[in-house]
Amino acid sequence: MAKLHVSTTINGEPVEFLCEPGQSMLDVLRGPLGLTGSKEGCASGDCGACSVTLNGRLVCACLMLAAEAEGAEVQTIEGMARGEALHPLQQKFLELAALQCGICTPGVLVAARSLLERNMDPTETEVRFWLAGNLCRCTGYDKIVRAVLETAADMRESAR
């Protein structure tokens, strides 16, 4: 079967690639595109380690066909920091030690950013609900939730 040509935007940059019709976005990101921040934890959409946004919608890259990126805007963990300046969520995760082995961290950060883009004042319940698709096997979720809530508060304060 012939490879498909895909033109898309990833982290604000125009990107073109070839893929097999059944190839996942995660495989293309980690393979030919060299964006290895998104992790494969389950390959079934159960863990959230491969979370990216597609046109602003949170998706599991392991369940998304790479061809679905045609003409779309994809955001990955690599697009969170601006040069050396970490995104406020990344900085807060470091400050509060809201990470451990790092497998789930990229997906959790992408999901948390997606939440804060929609709701700058989430409750703890809303944060826990939003991050329910992201499994962490190393640590509890309390530091992660606290980091998201504190980042939201900091971002609201700096917006004033």
N, C-alpha and C. Protein backbone atom coordinates (compact mmCIF):
# COMPACT_ATOMS: atom_id res chain seq x y z
N MET A 1 0.84 -1.18 0.00
CA MET A 1 0.00 0.00 0.00
C MET A 1 0.89 1.25 0.00
N ALA A 2 0.46 2.27 -0.72
CA ALA A 2 1.24 3.49 -0.85
C ALA A 2 1.21 4.29 0.45
N LYS A 3 2.32 4.96 0.71
CA LYS A 3 2.38 5.84 1.88
C LYS A 3 1.56 7.10 1.60
N LEU A 4 1.08 7.69 2.69
CA LEU A 4 0.30 8.91 2.61
C LEU A 4 1.18 10.11 2.92
N HIS A 5 0.97 11.19 2.20
CA HIS A 5 1.67 12.44 2.46
C HIS A 5 0.78 13.30 3.35
N VAL A 6 1.31 13.74 4.48
CA VAL A 6 0.54 14.53 5.44
C VAL A 6 1.22 15.88 5.63
N SER A 7 0.45 16.94 5.50
CA SER A 7 0.91 18.30 5.80
C SER A 7 0.14 18.77 7.03
N THR A 8 0.85 19.18 8.05
CA THR A 8 0.23 19.56 9.30
C THR A 8 1.05 20.65 9.97
N THR A 9 0.63 21.05 11.12
CA THR A 9 1.39 21.99 11.95
C THR A 9 1.58 21.32 13.30
N ILE A 10 2.83 21.23 13.73
CA ILE A 10 3.14 20.63 15.02
C ILE A 10 3.89 21.66 15.85
N ASN A 11 3.32 21.99 17.00
CA ASN A 11 3.92 22.98 17.90
C ASN A 11 4.21 24.30 17.18
N GLY A 12 3.27 24.68 16.32
CA GLY A 12 3.37 25.96 15.63
C GLY A 12 4.23 25.97 14.38
N GLU A 13 4.83 24.83 14.04
CA GLU A 13 5.70 24.75 12.86
C GLU A 13 5.07 23.88 11.78
N PRO A 14 5.12 24.33 10.52
CA PRO A 14 4.60 23.47 9.45
C PRO A 14 5.48 22.21 9.32
N VAL A 15 4.83 21.07 9.16
CA VAL A 15 5.54 19.79 9.08
C VAL A 15 4.88 18.95 7.99
N GLU A 16 5.71 18.24 7.24
CA GLU A 16 5.22 17.27 6.27
C GLU A 16 5.90 15.94 6.55
N PHE A 17 5.14 14.87 6.39
CA PHE A 17 5.72 13.54 6.59
C PHE A 17 4.96 12.51 5.76
N LEU A 18 5.58 11.36 5.58
CA LEU A 18 4.95 10.22 4.94
C LEU A 18 4.64 9.20 6.01
N CYS A 19 3.49 8.54 5.87
CA CYS A 19 3.12 7.51 6.84
C CYS A 19 2.34 6.41 6.17
N GLU A 20 2.31 5.26 6.81
CA GLU A 20 1.46 4.16 6.38
C GLU A 20 0.01 4.52 6.74
N PRO A 21 -0.97 4.04 5.99
CA PRO A 21 -2.37 4.37 6.30
C PRO A 21 -2.80 4.02 7.72
N GLY A 22 -2.28 2.95 8.29
CA GLY A 22 -2.67 2.53 9.62
C GLY A 22 -1.71 2.94 10.73
N GLN A 23 -0.76 3.78 10.42
CA GLN A 23 0.26 4.18 11.40
C GLN A 23 -0.29 5.20 12.39
N SER A 24 0.04 5.02 13.65
CA SER A 24 -0.46 5.95 14.68
C SER A 24 0.35 7.24 14.68
N MET A 25 -0.28 8.28 15.18
CA MET A 25 0.41 9.56 15.34
C MET A 25 1.58 9.42 16.29
N LEU A 26 1.41 8.61 17.34
CA LEU A 26 2.50 8.40 18.29
C LEU A 26 3.72 7.81 17.61
N ASP A 27 3.51 6.83 16.74
CA ASP A 27 4.64 6.22 16.04
C ASP A 27 5.36 7.23 15.14
N VAL A 28 4.60 8.10 14.48
CA VAL A 28 5.22 9.12 13.62
C VAL A 28 5.94 10.16 14.46
N LEU A 29 5.31 10.60 15.56
CA LEU A 29 5.97 11.58 16.42
C LEU A 29 7.31 11.04 16.93
N ARG A 30 7.29 9.85 17.49
CA ARG A 30 8.49 9.27 18.11
C ARG A 30 9.49 8.77 17.08
N GLY A 31 9.01 8.39 15.88
CA GLY A 31 9.89 7.85 14.86
C GLY A 31 10.46 8.92 13.95
N PRO A 32 9.89 9.07 12.75
CA PRO A 32 10.47 9.99 11.77
C PRO A 32 10.55 11.45 12.23
N LEU A 33 9.63 11.89 13.08
CA LEU A 33 9.67 13.30 13.50
C LEU A 33 10.61 13.54 14.68
N GLY A 34 11.01 12.50 15.37
CA GLY A 34 11.99 12.63 16.46
C GLY A 34 11.47 13.37 17.68
N LEU A 35 10.16 13.44 17.85
CA LEU A 35 9.57 14.09 19.02
C LEU A 35 9.24 13.00 20.04
N THR A 36 10.19 12.69 20.89
CA THR A 36 10.09 11.53 21.78
C THR A 36 9.51 11.85 23.15
N GLY A 37 9.03 13.06 23.36
CA GLY A 37 8.45 13.42 24.65
C GLY A 37 7.18 12.65 24.97
N SER A 38 6.33 12.45 23.97
CA SER A 38 5.12 11.66 24.17
C SER A 38 5.55 10.20 24.32
N LYS A 39 5.03 9.55 25.34
CA LYS A 39 5.46 8.18 25.64
C LYS A 39 4.38 7.17 25.28
N GLU A 40 4.81 5.94 25.01
CA GLU A 40 3.86 4.85 24.83
C GLU A 40 3.82 4.05 26.11
N GLY A 41 2.69 4.12 26.78
CA GLY A 41 2.55 3.39 28.02
C GLY A 41 1.66 2.18 27.89
N CYS A 42 0.71 2.22 26.94
CA CYS A 42 -0.26 1.12 26.86
C CYS A 42 -0.63 0.75 25.43
N ALA A 43 -0.56 1.69 24.51
CA ALA A 43 -0.95 1.50 23.11
C ALA A 43 -2.45 1.20 22.96
N SER A 44 -3.23 1.52 23.99
CA SER A 44 -4.66 1.27 23.91
C SER A 44 -5.50 2.45 24.39
N GLY A 45 -4.88 3.58 24.65
CA GLY A 45 -5.61 4.77 25.07
C GLY A 45 -6.02 4.77 26.53
N ASP A 46 -5.43 3.90 27.33
CA ASP A 46 -5.83 3.78 28.73
C ASP A 46 -4.98 4.57 29.71
N CYS A 47 -3.77 4.99 29.31
CA CYS A 47 -2.86 5.58 30.30
C CYS A 47 -2.62 7.07 30.14
N GLY A 48 -2.80 7.62 28.95
CA GLY A 48 -2.61 9.05 28.74
C GLY A 48 -1.18 9.51 28.57
N ALA A 49 -0.21 8.60 28.59
CA ALA A 49 1.19 9.00 28.47
C ALA A 49 1.51 9.66 27.13
N CYS A 50 0.68 9.38 26.13
CA CYS A 50 0.92 9.91 24.79
C CYS A 50 0.00 11.09 24.46
N SER A 51 -0.58 11.72 25.47
CA SER A 51 -1.54 12.80 25.23
C SER A 51 -0.94 13.95 24.43
N VAL A 52 -1.68 14.37 23.42
CA VAL A 52 -1.38 15.55 22.61
C VAL A 52 -2.70 16.28 22.40
N THR A 53 -2.63 17.47 21.85
CA THR A 53 -3.88 18.12 21.45
C THR A 53 -3.92 18.18 19.93
N LEU A 54 -5.11 17.97 19.40
CA LEU A 54 -5.38 18.04 17.97
C LEU A 54 -6.45 19.10 17.80
N ASN A 55 -6.06 20.21 17.19
CA ASN A 55 -6.99 21.35 17.05
C ASN A 55 -7.61 21.71 18.39
N GLY A 56 -6.80 21.68 19.44
CA GLY A 56 -7.24 22.08 20.77
C GLY A 56 -7.95 21.00 21.57
N ARG A 57 -8.16 19.84 20.98
CA ARG A 57 -8.86 18.74 21.66
C ARG A 57 -7.85 17.72 22.17
N LEU A 58 -7.94 17.37 23.43
CA LEU A 58 -7.03 16.40 24.03
C LEU A 58 -7.30 15.01 23.46
N VAL A 59 -6.25 14.36 22.93
CA VAL A 59 -6.38 13.02 22.35
C VAL A 59 -5.18 12.17 22.74
N CYS A 60 -5.35 10.88 22.66
CA CYS A 60 -4.24 9.93 22.83
C CYS A 60 -3.63 9.69 21.46
N ALA A 61 -2.36 10.01 21.30
CA ALA A 61 -1.69 9.86 20.01
C ALA A 61 -1.58 8.40 19.60
N CYS A 62 -1.65 7.48 20.56
CA CYS A 62 -1.58 6.05 20.21
C CYS A 62 -2.86 5.58 19.53
N LEU A 63 -3.97 6.30 19.72
CA LEU A 63 -5.24 5.93 19.10
C LEU A 63 -5.55 6.73 17.85
N MET A 64 -4.77 7.74 17.59
CA MET A 64 -5.00 8.62 16.45
C MET A 64 -4.17 8.16 15.26
N LEU A 65 -4.80 8.06 14.10
CA LEU A 65 -4.04 7.76 12.89
C LEU A 65 -3.24 9.01 12.51
N ALA A 66 -2.01 8.81 12.10
CA ALA A 66 -1.17 9.94 11.70
C ALA A 66 -1.81 10.73 10.57
N ALA A 67 -2.51 10.05 9.68
CA ALA A 67 -3.17 10.72 8.55
C ALA A 67 -4.23 11.72 9.02
N GLU A 68 -4.76 11.53 10.24
CA GLU A 68 -5.76 12.45 10.77
C GLU A 68 -5.18 13.82 11.09
N ALA A 69 -3.87 13.94 11.08
CA ALA A 69 -3.22 15.22 11.35
C ALA A 69 -3.23 16.13 10.13
N GLU A 70 -3.65 15.62 8.98
CA GLU A 70 -3.68 16.42 7.75
C GLU A 70 -4.43 17.73 7.98
N GLY A 71 -3.72 18.84 7.76
CA GLY A 71 -4.32 20.16 7.88
C GLY A 71 -4.63 20.61 9.30
N ALA A 72 -4.22 19.83 10.27
CA ALA A 72 -4.57 20.12 11.67
C ALA A 72 -3.41 20.77 12.42
N GLU A 73 -3.72 21.22 13.63
CA GLU A 73 -2.72 21.79 14.55
C GLU A 73 -2.53 20.77 15.67
N VAL A 74 -1.33 20.27 15.79
CA VAL A 74 -0.99 19.30 16.84
C VAL A 74 -0.04 19.98 17.83
N GLN A 75 -0.33 19.82 19.10
CA GLN A 75 0.54 20.33 20.15
C GLN A 75 1.04 19.15 20.98
N THR A 76 2.35 19.08 21.18
CA THR A 76 2.96 18.02 21.98
C THR A 76 3.66 18.65 23.18
N ILE A 77 4.20 17.83 24.03
CA ILE A 77 4.96 18.32 25.19
C ILE A 77 6.13 19.19 24.74
N GLU A 78 6.71 18.89 23.59
CA GLU A 78 7.86 19.68 23.11
C GLU A 78 7.48 21.13 22.83
N GLY A 79 6.19 21.40 22.64
CA GLY A 79 5.74 22.76 22.36
C GLY A 79 5.37 23.56 23.59
N MET A 80 5.52 23.00 24.78
CA MET A 80 5.12 23.74 25.99
C MET A 80 6.12 24.83 26.37
N ALA A 81 7.37 24.50 26.43
CA ALA A 81 8.39 25.48 26.81
C ALA A 81 8.64 26.41 25.62
N ARG A 82 9.06 27.60 25.91
CA ARG A 82 9.44 28.56 24.87
C ARG A 82 10.94 28.79 25.01
N GLY A 83 11.72 28.06 24.20
CA GLY A 83 13.17 28.13 24.35
C GLY A 83 13.56 27.56 25.70
N GLU A 84 14.29 28.33 26.46
CA GLU A 84 14.72 27.91 27.79
C GLU A 84 13.67 28.19 28.86
N ALA A 85 12.64 28.96 28.52
CA ALA A 85 11.61 29.32 29.50
C ALA A 85 10.56 28.23 29.58
N LEU A 86 10.49 27.58 30.73
CA LEU A 86 9.49 26.54 30.93
C LEU A 86 8.09 27.14 31.02
N HIS A 87 7.11 26.36 30.60
CA HIS A 87 5.72 26.73 30.82
C HIS A 87 5.50 26.76 32.32
N PRO A 88 4.63 27.63 32.83
CA PRO A 88 4.38 27.68 34.28
C PRO A 88 4.03 26.31 34.89
N LEU A 89 3.31 25.47 34.17
CA LEU A 89 3.01 24.13 34.69
C LEU A 89 4.29 23.31 34.86
N GLN A 90 5.17 23.36 33.87
CA GLN A 90 6.42 22.62 33.97
C GLN A 90 7.24 23.09 35.17
N GLN A 91 7.31 24.39 35.34
CA GLN A 91 8.06 24.96 36.45
C GLN A 91 7.46 24.53 37.79
N LYS A 92 6.15 24.58 37.92
CA LYS A 92 5.50 24.21 39.17
C LYS A 92 5.66 22.72 39.45
N PHE A 93 5.61 21.88 38.42
CA PHE A 93 5.84 20.44 38.61
C PHE A 93 7.23 20.20 39.18
N LEU A 94 8.21 20.96 38.72
CA LEU A 94 9.56 20.83 39.28
C LEU A 94 9.61 21.31 40.72
N GLU A 95 9.03 22.48 40.97
CA GLU A 95 9.06 23.06 42.32
C GLU A 95 8.39 22.15 43.35
N LEU A 96 7.28 21.52 42.98
CA LEU A 96 6.52 20.71 43.93
C LEU A 96 6.83 19.21 43.83
N ALA A 97 7.83 18.87 43.02
CA ALA A 97 8.20 17.46 42.82
C ALA A 97 6.99 16.62 42.43
N ALA A 98 6.22 17.14 41.48
CA ALA A 98 5.00 16.47 41.04
C ALA A 98 5.29 15.50 39.90
N LEU A 99 6.40 14.84 39.96
CA LEU A 99 6.80 13.87 38.94
C LEU A 99 7.74 12.88 39.58
N GLN A 100 7.88 11.74 38.92
CA GLN A 100 8.81 10.77 39.46
C GLN A 100 9.61 10.16 38.31
N CYS A 101 9.14 9.08 37.70
CA CYS A 101 9.94 8.44 36.66
C CYS A 101 9.89 9.19 35.34
N GLY A 102 8.84 9.94 35.10
CA GLY A 102 8.75 10.75 33.89
C GLY A 102 7.96 10.14 32.74
N ILE A 103 7.53 8.91 32.86
CA ILE A 103 6.76 8.31 31.77
C ILE A 103 5.42 9.02 31.60
N CYS A 104 4.71 9.27 32.68
CA CYS A 104 3.38 9.89 32.58
C CYS A 104 3.45 11.41 32.48
N THR A 105 4.55 12.00 32.93
CA THR A 105 4.64 13.45 33.07
C THR A 105 4.30 14.23 31.80
N PRO A 106 4.84 13.87 30.63
CA PRO A 106 4.48 14.66 29.44
C PRO A 106 2.99 14.66 29.16
N GLY A 107 2.34 13.52 29.27
CA GLY A 107 0.91 13.44 29.02
C GLY A 107 0.11 14.21 30.06
N VAL A 108 0.53 14.13 31.32
CA VAL A 108 -0.16 14.88 32.38
C VAL A 108 -0.03 16.37 32.13
N LEU A 109 1.16 16.82 31.76
CA LEU A 109 1.36 18.24 31.50
C LEU A 109 0.53 18.73 30.32
N VAL A 110 0.48 17.96 29.25
CA VAL A 110 -0.34 18.34 28.08
C VAL A 110 -1.81 18.40 28.47
N ALA A 111 -2.27 17.41 29.25
CA ALA A 111 -3.66 17.41 29.68
C ALA A 111 -3.96 18.59 30.60
N ALA A 112 -3.05 18.87 31.53
CA ALA A 112 -3.25 19.99 32.45
C ALA A 112 -3.27 21.32 31.71
N ARG A 113 -2.39 21.48 30.74
CA ARG A 113 -2.39 22.71 29.93
C ARG A 113 -3.72 22.84 29.19
N SER A 114 -4.22 21.73 28.66
CA SER A 114 -5.49 21.75 27.96
C SER A 114 -6.62 22.18 28.89
N LEU A 115 -6.60 21.70 30.12
CA LEU A 115 -7.60 22.12 31.11
C LEU A 115 -7.51 23.61 31.37
N LEU A 116 -6.30 24.11 31.65
CA LEU A 116 -6.14 25.52 32.01
C LEU A 116 -6.43 26.46 30.84
N GLU A 117 -6.31 25.97 29.62
CA GLU A 117 -6.69 26.78 28.46
C GLU A 117 -8.21 26.96 28.40
N ARG A 118 -8.94 26.03 29.00
CA ARG A 118 -10.40 26.10 29.02
C ARG A 118 -10.95 26.70 30.30
N ASN A 119 -10.24 26.45 31.40
CA ASN A 119 -10.74 26.83 32.72
C ASN A 119 -9.57 27.26 33.59
N MET A 120 -9.42 28.56 33.77
CA MET A 120 -8.30 29.09 34.56
C MET A 120 -8.56 29.03 36.06
N ASP A 121 -9.73 28.58 36.47
CA ASP A 121 -10.06 28.52 37.89
C ASP A 121 -10.74 27.19 38.23
N PRO A 122 -10.04 26.07 37.96
CA PRO A 122 -10.68 24.78 38.21
C PRO A 122 -10.70 24.44 39.70
N THR A 123 -11.68 23.67 40.09
CA THR A 123 -11.71 23.13 41.45
C THR A 123 -10.82 21.88 41.48
N GLU A 124 -10.53 21.41 42.68
CA GLU A 124 -9.75 20.19 42.79
C GLU A 124 -10.46 19.03 42.10
N THR A 125 -11.76 18.95 42.26
CA THR A 125 -12.55 17.88 41.63
C THR A 125 -12.44 17.97 40.11
N GLU A 126 -12.51 19.19 39.56
CA GLU A 126 -12.39 19.35 38.11
C GLU A 126 -11.00 18.93 37.62
N VAL A 127 -9.96 19.28 38.36
CA VAL A 127 -8.60 18.86 37.97
C VAL A 127 -8.51 17.34 37.99
N ARG A 128 -8.97 16.72 39.06
CA ARG A 128 -8.91 15.26 39.16
C ARG A 128 -9.72 14.60 38.04
N PHE A 129 -10.88 15.15 37.73
CA PHE A 129 -11.70 14.61 36.65
C PHE A 129 -10.97 14.74 35.32
N TRP A 130 -10.41 15.92 35.04
CA TRP A 130 -9.75 16.19 33.77
C TRP A 130 -8.54 15.29 33.58
N LEU A 131 -7.82 15.01 34.66
CA LEU A 131 -6.60 14.19 34.58
C LEU A 131 -6.87 12.71 34.79
N ALA A 132 -8.12 12.31 34.89
CA ALA A 132 -8.46 10.91 35.16
C ALA A 132 -7.96 9.96 34.08
N GLY A 133 -7.77 10.44 32.88
CA GLY A 133 -7.26 9.60 31.79
C GLY A 133 -5.76 9.45 31.77
N ASN A 134 -5.08 10.04 32.75
CA ASN A 134 -3.62 9.97 32.82
C ASN A 134 -3.24 9.17 34.06
N LEU A 135 -2.67 8.01 33.83
CA LEU A 135 -2.29 7.13 34.93
C LEU A 135 -0.83 7.33 35.32
N CYS A 136 -0.60 7.40 36.62
CA CYS A 136 0.75 7.48 37.16
C CYS A 136 0.94 6.26 38.04
N ARG A 137 1.98 5.50 37.75
CA ARG A 137 2.22 4.28 38.51
C ARG A 137 3.25 4.47 39.62
N CYS A 138 3.90 5.63 39.66
CA CYS A 138 5.00 5.84 40.61
C CYS A 138 4.63 6.65 41.84
N THR A 139 3.74 7.58 41.67
CA THR A 139 3.47 8.52 42.75
C THR A 139 1.96 8.71 42.89
N GLY A 140 1.56 9.28 43.97
CA GLY A 140 0.15 9.64 44.13
C GLY A 140 -0.15 10.86 43.29
N TYR A 141 -1.36 11.21 43.22
CA TYR A 141 -1.78 12.32 42.38
C TYR A 141 -1.86 13.64 43.13
N ASP A 142 -1.67 13.63 44.43
CA ASP A 142 -1.84 14.85 45.21
C ASP A 142 -0.90 15.97 44.78
N LYS A 143 0.39 15.66 44.58
CA LYS A 143 1.33 16.70 44.16
C LYS A 143 1.00 17.20 42.76
N ILE A 144 0.56 16.31 41.90
CA ILE A 144 0.18 16.71 40.54
C ILE A 144 -1.00 17.67 40.59
N VAL A 145 -2.02 17.31 41.34
CA VAL A 145 -3.22 18.15 41.45
C VAL A 145 -2.86 19.49 42.08
N ARG A 146 -2.04 19.46 43.14
CA ARG A 146 -1.63 20.71 43.78
C ARG A 146 -0.85 21.60 42.80
N ALA A 147 0.01 21.00 42.00
CA ALA A 147 0.78 21.77 41.02
C ALA A 147 -0.13 22.45 40.01
N VAL A 148 -1.15 21.74 39.55
CA VAL A 148 -2.09 22.32 38.58
C VAL A 148 -2.87 23.46 39.23
N LEU A 149 -3.36 23.23 40.44
CA LEU A 149 -4.14 24.26 41.13
C LEU A 149 -3.29 25.50 41.43
N GLU A 150 -2.06 25.30 41.88
CA GLU A 150 -1.19 26.45 42.16
C GLU A 150 -0.81 27.19 40.88
N THR A 151 -0.59 26.45 39.80
CA THR A 151 -0.28 27.11 38.53
C THR A 151 -1.46 27.95 38.07
N ALA A 152 -2.66 27.41 38.20
CA ALA A 152 -3.86 28.15 37.82
C ALA A 152 -3.95 29.44 38.63
N ALA A 153 -3.72 29.34 39.93
CA ALA A 153 -3.77 30.54 40.79
C ALA A 153 -2.71 31.55 40.38
N ASP A 154 -1.49 31.08 40.12
CA ASP A 154 -0.41 31.97 39.69
C ASP A 154 -0.75 32.65 38.36
N MET A 155 -1.31 31.89 37.43
CA MET A 155 -1.64 32.45 36.12
C MET A 155 -2.77 33.46 36.23
N ARG A 156 -3.75 33.18 37.10
CA ARG A 156 -4.83 34.17 37.30
C ARG A 156 -4.25 35.45 37.91
N GLU A 157 -3.37 35.31 38.85
CA GLU A 157 -2.77 36.47 39.51
C GLU A 157 -1.94 37.30 38.51
N SER A 158 -1.17 36.65 37.68
CA SER A 158 -0.34 37.39 36.72
C SER A 158 -1.18 38.02 35.61
N ALA A 159 -2.39 37.51 35.39
CA ALA A 159 -3.28 38.08 34.37
C ALA A 159 -3.97 39.36 34.86
N ARG A 160 -3.93 39.59 36.18
CA ARG A 160 -4.59 40.79 36.73
C ARG A 160 -3.81 42.03 36.48
